[in-house]
Amino acid sequence: YYQARRDQVLQAFAEKEVLLHEGFEPEGGFFTLIDLSHLLGAEIPAAAQSLLINREVQQDVDIAFALMHGLGQSNKQGVALMPASCFGVPPERGLMRISWSSTEAEVAAICQRVLAALDSVRH
C-alpha cells in the first residue's frame, strides 16, 4: 500500500518535472515535500483574497490558500497541502507537504489538482 501510493505521487510529479525537496525520495511515512515555487507570483483566487493580505502568492501559506480555493481548476475544486514552513522551512521557498495516505483515486485527484495549478502559471 505505502510503496504503491508513494510511487504514484513520485511518478505523477516526475512526469511534469516537479522536484521533490532536494531530490528526497521518502522511505517511510506517508508524505514528502514538493517544490511548488513556480506558483510564487501567481494571482491568488478571489475567494481566498479576503482571507489574506497578499493578492499574489509570495510564500507557502499563500500557496496553500490558493490551492484550497481552486487555483488552476476550471471547476474551482481545491486541494489541501501543508506549508513546509510549519516544519521550519523558510516560507519563501514555496515547498509544500503532500500526503498519500488516501485511496488511489484520491491521490490521483490530489496530484491532478496540484499539477493543474502549476500548468495554469507555466503558460
N, C-alpha and C. Protein backbone atom coordinates (compact mmCIF):
# COMPACT_ATOMS: atom_id res chain seq x y z
N TYR A 1 0.83 -1.20 0.00
CA TYR A 1 0.00 0.00 0.00
C TYR A 1 0.87 1.25 0.00
N TYR A 2 1.78 1.34 0.99
CA TYR A 2 2.62 2.53 1.12
C TYR A 2 3.42 2.79 -0.16
N GLN A 3 4.15 1.79 -0.60
CA GLN A 3 5.03 1.99 -1.75
C GLN A 3 4.24 2.30 -3.02
N ALA A 4 3.09 1.66 -3.20
CA ALA A 4 2.28 1.92 -4.40
C ALA A 4 1.82 3.37 -4.44
N ARG A 5 1.35 3.92 -3.31
CA ARG A 5 0.89 5.31 -3.27
C ARG A 5 2.08 6.27 -3.41
N ARG A 6 3.18 5.95 -2.75
CA ARG A 6 4.38 6.78 -2.87
C ARG A 6 4.81 6.85 -4.32
N ASP A 7 4.90 5.71 -4.97
CA ASP A 7 5.31 5.67 -6.37
C ASP A 7 4.35 6.42 -7.27
N GLN A 8 3.06 6.35 -6.96
CA GLN A 8 2.04 7.07 -7.73
C GLN A 8 2.31 8.58 -7.67
N VAL A 9 2.59 9.10 -6.47
CA VAL A 9 2.87 10.53 -6.30
C VAL A 9 4.18 10.89 -6.99
N LEU A 10 5.22 10.12 -6.75
CA LEU A 10 6.52 10.42 -7.34
C LEU A 10 6.45 10.43 -8.86
N GLN A 11 5.75 9.47 -9.43
CA GLN A 11 5.65 9.39 -10.89
C GLN A 11 4.85 10.56 -11.45
N ALA A 12 3.74 10.90 -10.81
CA ALA A 12 2.91 12.00 -11.30
C ALA A 12 3.69 13.30 -11.36
N PHE A 13 4.48 13.57 -10.34
CA PHE A 13 5.23 14.82 -10.32
C PHE A 13 6.49 14.76 -11.16
N ALA A 14 7.11 13.61 -11.25
CA ALA A 14 8.31 13.47 -12.09
C ALA A 14 7.97 13.70 -13.56
N GLU A 15 6.80 13.23 -13.99
CA GLU A 15 6.39 13.41 -15.38
C GLU A 15 6.27 14.88 -15.76
N LYS A 16 5.96 15.73 -14.79
CA LYS A 16 5.82 17.17 -15.03
C LYS A 16 7.03 17.95 -14.52
N GLU A 17 8.08 17.22 -14.18
CA GLU A 17 9.34 17.80 -13.71
C GLU A 17 9.17 18.67 -12.46
N VAL A 18 8.26 18.26 -11.59
CA VAL A 18 8.12 18.91 -10.29
C VAL A 18 9.09 18.20 -9.36
N LEU A 19 9.96 18.97 -8.76
CA LEU A 19 11.01 18.38 -7.95
C LEU A 19 10.55 18.12 -6.53
N LEU A 20 11.06 17.03 -6.00
CA LEU A 20 10.92 16.79 -4.57
C LEU A 20 11.95 17.65 -3.87
N HIS A 21 11.71 17.94 -2.63
CA HIS A 21 12.65 18.74 -1.84
C HIS A 21 14.03 18.10 -1.87
N GLU A 22 14.97 18.78 -2.50
CA GLU A 22 16.37 18.35 -2.59
C GLU A 22 16.51 16.92 -3.08
N GLY A 23 15.61 16.51 -3.99
CA GLY A 23 15.70 15.17 -4.56
C GLY A 23 15.38 14.06 -3.58
N PHE A 24 14.78 14.41 -2.46
CA PHE A 24 14.49 13.44 -1.41
C PHE A 24 13.42 12.45 -1.85
N GLU A 25 13.73 11.17 -1.80
CA GLU A 25 12.75 10.13 -2.07
C GLU A 25 12.41 9.44 -0.75
N PRO A 26 11.19 9.60 -0.28
CA PRO A 26 10.82 9.07 1.04
C PRO A 26 10.89 7.55 1.12
N GLU A 27 11.35 7.09 2.27
CA GLU A 27 11.44 5.65 2.51
C GLU A 27 10.45 5.18 3.56
N GLY A 28 9.80 6.09 4.23
CA GLY A 28 8.81 5.76 5.25
C GLY A 28 7.86 6.93 5.40
N GLY A 29 6.80 6.75 6.13
CA GLY A 29 5.82 7.81 6.28
C GLY A 29 4.90 7.88 5.06
N PHE A 30 4.00 8.81 5.11
CA PHE A 30 3.01 8.96 4.03
C PHE A 30 3.01 10.38 3.47
N PHE A 31 4.17 11.01 3.42
CA PHE A 31 4.24 12.36 2.89
C PHE A 31 5.66 12.68 2.45
N THR A 32 5.76 13.74 1.65
CA THR A 32 7.05 14.30 1.26
C THR A 32 6.85 15.77 0.97
N LEU A 33 7.94 16.48 0.78
CA LEU A 33 7.88 17.88 0.39
C LEU A 33 8.08 18.00 -1.11
N ILE A 34 7.25 18.84 -1.73
CA ILE A 34 7.40 19.10 -3.16
C ILE A 34 7.63 20.59 -3.37
N ASP A 35 8.37 20.90 -4.40
CA ASP A 35 8.72 22.28 -4.72
C ASP A 35 7.64 22.89 -5.61
N LEU A 36 6.85 23.78 -5.03
CA LEU A 36 5.82 24.48 -5.79
C LEU A 36 6.18 25.96 -5.94
N SER A 37 7.47 26.25 -5.95
CA SER A 37 7.92 27.64 -6.07
C SER A 37 7.51 28.28 -7.39
N HIS A 38 7.15 27.48 -8.40
CA HIS A 38 6.66 28.04 -9.66
C HIS A 38 5.34 28.80 -9.46
N LEU A 39 4.66 28.54 -8.34
CA LEU A 39 3.41 29.25 -8.07
C LEU A 39 3.65 30.63 -7.45
N LEU A 40 4.88 30.90 -7.01
CA LEU A 40 5.19 32.22 -6.45
C LEU A 40 4.96 33.27 -7.53
N GLY A 41 4.22 34.30 -7.19
CA GLY A 41 3.88 35.36 -8.14
C GLY A 41 2.53 35.18 -8.80
N ALA A 42 1.93 33.99 -8.67
CA ALA A 42 0.62 33.74 -9.26
C ALA A 42 -0.45 34.55 -8.52
N GLU A 43 -1.51 34.90 -9.24
CA GLU A 43 -2.62 35.60 -8.61
C GLU A 43 -3.40 34.64 -7.72
N ILE A 44 -3.69 35.08 -6.53
CA ILE A 44 -4.47 34.28 -5.58
C ILE A 44 -5.94 34.36 -5.99
N PRO A 45 -6.65 33.22 -6.04
CA PRO A 45 -8.07 33.26 -6.41
C PRO A 45 -8.87 34.23 -5.54
N ALA A 46 -9.84 34.89 -6.16
CA ALA A 46 -10.63 35.91 -5.46
C ALA A 46 -11.24 35.40 -4.16
N ALA A 47 -11.66 34.15 -4.14
CA ALA A 47 -12.29 33.59 -2.94
C ALA A 47 -11.33 33.56 -1.75
N ALA A 48 -10.03 33.51 -2.01
CA ALA A 48 -9.04 33.47 -0.93
C ALA A 48 -8.49 34.85 -0.59
N GLN A 49 -8.65 35.81 -1.49
CA GLN A 49 -8.06 37.13 -1.27
C GLN A 49 -8.59 37.81 -0.02
N SER A 50 -9.83 37.58 0.34
CA SER A 50 -10.39 38.22 1.53
C SER A 50 -9.78 37.65 2.81
N LEU A 51 -9.12 36.51 2.71
CA LEU A 51 -8.51 35.88 3.87
C LEU A 51 -7.04 36.24 4.05
N LEU A 52 -6.46 36.86 3.03
CA LEU A 52 -5.03 37.14 3.01
C LEU A 52 -4.75 38.61 2.76
N ILE A 53 -3.57 39.04 3.12
CA ILE A 53 -3.13 40.40 2.83
C ILE A 53 -2.67 40.50 1.38
N ASN A 54 -1.98 39.45 0.93
CA ASN A 54 -1.41 39.46 -0.42
C ASN A 54 -2.47 39.17 -1.48
N ARG A 55 -2.26 39.70 -2.67
CA ARG A 55 -3.11 39.42 -3.82
C ARG A 55 -2.43 38.44 -4.77
N GLU A 56 -1.12 38.24 -4.54
CA GLU A 56 -0.39 37.24 -5.32
C GLU A 56 0.41 36.38 -4.36
N VAL A 57 0.75 35.20 -4.81
CA VAL A 57 1.45 34.22 -3.99
C VAL A 57 2.88 34.71 -3.72
N GLN A 58 3.21 34.84 -2.43
CA GLN A 58 4.54 35.27 -2.03
C GLN A 58 5.26 34.26 -1.15
N GLN A 59 4.51 33.32 -0.59
CA GLN A 59 5.10 32.34 0.32
C GLN A 59 4.22 31.09 0.36
N ASP A 60 4.69 30.09 1.09
CA ASP A 60 3.99 28.80 1.08
C ASP A 60 2.57 28.86 1.65
N VAL A 61 2.30 29.73 2.61
CA VAL A 61 0.94 29.85 3.15
C VAL A 61 0.00 30.37 2.06
N ASP A 62 0.50 31.30 1.24
CA ASP A 62 -0.30 31.79 0.11
C ASP A 62 -0.59 30.66 -0.88
N ILE A 63 0.41 29.80 -1.11
CA ILE A 63 0.21 28.64 -1.99
C ILE A 63 -0.90 27.77 -1.44
N ALA A 64 -0.87 27.51 -0.14
CA ALA A 64 -1.88 26.66 0.49
C ALA A 64 -3.28 27.24 0.29
N PHE A 65 -3.46 28.54 0.52
CA PHE A 65 -4.77 29.17 0.34
C PHE A 65 -5.19 29.17 -1.12
N ALA A 66 -4.25 29.44 -2.01
CA ALA A 66 -4.58 29.45 -3.45
C ALA A 66 -5.04 28.07 -3.91
N LEU A 67 -4.35 27.03 -3.46
CA LEU A 67 -4.73 25.67 -3.84
C LEU A 67 -6.08 25.28 -3.24
N MET A 68 -6.32 25.67 -1.98
CA MET A 68 -7.60 25.34 -1.34
C MET A 68 -8.77 26.00 -2.06
N HIS A 69 -8.49 27.14 -2.70
CA HIS A 69 -9.56 27.89 -3.37
C HIS A 69 -9.55 27.70 -4.88
N GLY A 70 -8.94 26.61 -5.35
CA GLY A 70 -9.11 26.19 -6.73
C GLY A 70 -8.19 26.79 -7.77
N LEU A 71 -7.01 27.27 -7.38
CA LEU A 71 -6.08 27.80 -8.37
C LEU A 71 -5.85 26.79 -9.49
N GLY A 72 -6.11 27.22 -10.73
CA GLY A 72 -5.88 26.37 -11.89
C GLY A 72 -6.98 25.36 -12.18
N GLN A 73 -8.03 25.37 -11.40
CA GLN A 73 -9.13 24.42 -11.58
C GLN A 73 -10.31 25.09 -12.27
N SER A 74 -10.72 24.56 -13.38
CA SER A 74 -11.87 25.15 -14.08
C SER A 74 -13.13 25.05 -13.23
N ASN A 75 -13.24 24.01 -12.43
CA ASN A 75 -14.42 23.84 -11.59
C ASN A 75 -14.18 24.33 -10.16
N LYS A 76 -13.02 24.93 -9.94
CA LYS A 76 -12.64 25.54 -8.66
C LYS A 76 -12.62 24.56 -7.49
N GLN A 77 -12.38 23.29 -7.77
CA GLN A 77 -12.20 22.34 -6.68
C GLN A 77 -10.82 22.56 -6.09
N GLY A 78 -10.73 22.58 -4.80
CA GLY A 78 -9.46 22.83 -4.15
C GLY A 78 -8.77 21.56 -3.71
N VAL A 79 -7.59 21.77 -3.19
CA VAL A 79 -6.80 20.68 -2.61
C VAL A 79 -6.02 21.27 -1.44
N ALA A 80 -5.90 20.50 -0.38
CA ALA A 80 -5.21 20.99 0.81
C ALA A 80 -3.84 20.35 0.94
N LEU A 81 -2.83 21.19 0.99
CA LEU A 81 -1.46 20.77 1.27
C LEU A 81 -0.96 21.59 2.46
N MET A 82 -0.01 21.05 3.18
CA MET A 82 0.54 21.72 4.36
C MET A 82 1.77 22.53 3.98
N PRO A 83 1.81 23.82 4.34
CA PRO A 83 3.00 24.61 4.07
C PRO A 83 4.21 24.04 4.83
N ALA A 84 5.34 23.95 4.15
CA ALA A 84 6.55 23.40 4.78
C ALA A 84 7.09 24.32 5.87
N SER A 85 6.68 25.58 5.85
CA SER A 85 7.13 26.49 6.91
C SER A 85 6.62 26.03 8.28
N CYS A 86 5.57 25.23 8.31
CA CYS A 86 5.08 24.65 9.57
C CYS A 86 6.11 23.69 10.18
N PHE A 87 7.09 23.31 9.37
CA PHE A 87 8.13 22.37 9.82
C PHE A 87 9.51 23.02 9.81
N GLY A 88 9.55 24.36 9.79
CA GLY A 88 10.80 25.07 9.90
C GLY A 88 11.48 25.46 8.60
N VAL A 89 10.87 25.17 7.46
CA VAL A 89 11.43 25.54 6.16
C VAL A 89 11.07 27.00 5.89
N PRO A 90 12.00 27.81 5.37
CA PRO A 90 11.67 29.20 5.06
C PRO A 90 10.46 29.28 4.12
N PRO A 91 9.46 30.10 4.45
CA PRO A 91 8.21 30.13 3.67
C PRO A 91 8.38 30.59 2.23
N GLU A 92 9.39 31.41 1.96
CA GLU A 92 9.57 31.93 0.60
C GLU A 92 10.13 30.88 -0.37
N ARG A 93 10.48 29.71 0.12
CA ARG A 93 10.98 28.65 -0.76
C ARG A 93 9.86 27.99 -1.56
N GLY A 94 8.62 28.08 -1.09
CA GLY A 94 7.50 27.53 -1.84
C GLY A 94 7.38 26.01 -1.75
N LEU A 95 7.89 25.43 -0.69
CA LEU A 95 7.78 23.97 -0.51
C LEU A 95 6.49 23.64 0.23
N MET A 96 5.87 22.54 -0.18
CA MET A 96 4.63 22.10 0.45
C MET A 96 4.72 20.61 0.78
N ARG A 97 4.05 20.22 1.86
CA ARG A 97 4.00 18.80 2.21
C ARG A 97 2.77 18.19 1.57
N ILE A 98 2.99 17.08 0.88
CA ILE A 98 1.90 16.35 0.24
C ILE A 98 1.83 14.96 0.87
N SER A 99 0.63 14.50 1.11
CA SER A 99 0.41 13.20 1.73
C SER A 99 -0.27 12.26 0.75
N TRP A 100 0.02 10.98 0.89
CA TRP A 100 -0.63 9.98 0.05
C TRP A 100 -1.31 8.91 0.91
N SER A 101 -1.79 9.30 2.07
CA SER A 101 -2.49 8.35 2.94
C SER A 101 -3.98 8.31 2.61
N SER A 102 -4.28 8.11 1.34
CA SER A 102 -5.65 8.08 0.83
C SER A 102 -5.78 6.96 -0.18
N THR A 103 -6.93 6.88 -0.78
CA THR A 103 -7.13 5.86 -1.81
C THR A 103 -6.37 6.24 -3.08
N GLU A 104 -6.21 5.31 -3.96
CA GLU A 104 -5.53 5.57 -5.23
C GLU A 104 -6.22 6.68 -6.00
N ALA A 105 -7.55 6.66 -6.03
CA ALA A 105 -8.31 7.69 -6.76
C ALA A 105 -8.14 9.06 -6.11
N GLU A 106 -8.14 9.12 -4.79
CA GLU A 106 -7.95 10.40 -4.11
C GLU A 106 -6.55 10.95 -4.34
N VAL A 107 -5.54 10.09 -4.30
CA VAL A 107 -4.16 10.52 -4.56
C VAL A 107 -4.05 11.04 -6.00
N ALA A 108 -4.69 10.37 -6.94
CA ALA A 108 -4.67 10.83 -8.33
C ALA A 108 -5.31 12.21 -8.44
N ALA A 109 -6.42 12.44 -7.74
CA ALA A 109 -7.10 13.73 -7.78
C ALA A 109 -6.22 14.83 -7.16
N ILE A 110 -5.55 14.52 -6.07
CA ILE A 110 -4.64 15.48 -5.44
C ILE A 110 -3.55 15.89 -6.41
N CYS A 111 -2.91 14.91 -7.01
CA CYS A 111 -1.83 15.20 -7.97
C CYS A 111 -2.34 16.00 -9.15
N GLN A 112 -3.49 15.62 -9.68
CA GLN A 112 -4.06 16.32 -10.84
C GLN A 112 -4.34 17.78 -10.51
N ARG A 113 -4.88 18.05 -9.34
CA ARG A 113 -5.21 19.43 -8.97
C ARG A 113 -3.96 20.28 -8.77
N VAL A 114 -2.94 19.71 -8.14
CA VAL A 114 -1.69 20.45 -7.95
C VAL A 114 -1.04 20.71 -9.31
N LEU A 115 -1.01 19.72 -10.17
CA LEU A 115 -0.41 19.89 -11.50
C LEU A 115 -1.20 20.88 -12.35
N ALA A 116 -2.51 20.91 -12.21
CA ALA A 116 -3.32 21.88 -12.94
C ALA A 116 -2.98 23.31 -12.49
N ALA A 117 -2.76 23.49 -11.20
CA ALA A 117 -2.36 24.81 -10.69
C ALA A 117 -1.03 25.22 -11.29
N LEU A 118 -0.08 24.30 -11.33
CA LEU A 118 1.22 24.59 -11.93
C LEU A 118 1.09 24.91 -13.42
N ASP A 119 0.29 24.12 -14.12
CA ASP A 119 0.09 24.36 -15.55
C ASP A 119 -0.52 25.74 -15.80
N SER A 120 -1.37 26.20 -14.90
CA SER A 120 -2.04 27.49 -15.09
C SER A 120 -1.08 28.66 -15.03
N VAL A 121 0.06 28.49 -14.38
CA VAL A 121 1.03 29.60 -14.29
C VAL A 121 2.22 29.42 -15.21
N ARG A 122 2.37 28.25 -15.80
CA ARG A 122 3.52 27.98 -16.67
C ARG A 122 3.29 28.42 -18.10
N HIS A 123 2.08 28.81 -18.44
CA HIS A 123 1.77 29.18 -19.84
C HIS A 123 2.15 30.61 -20.12
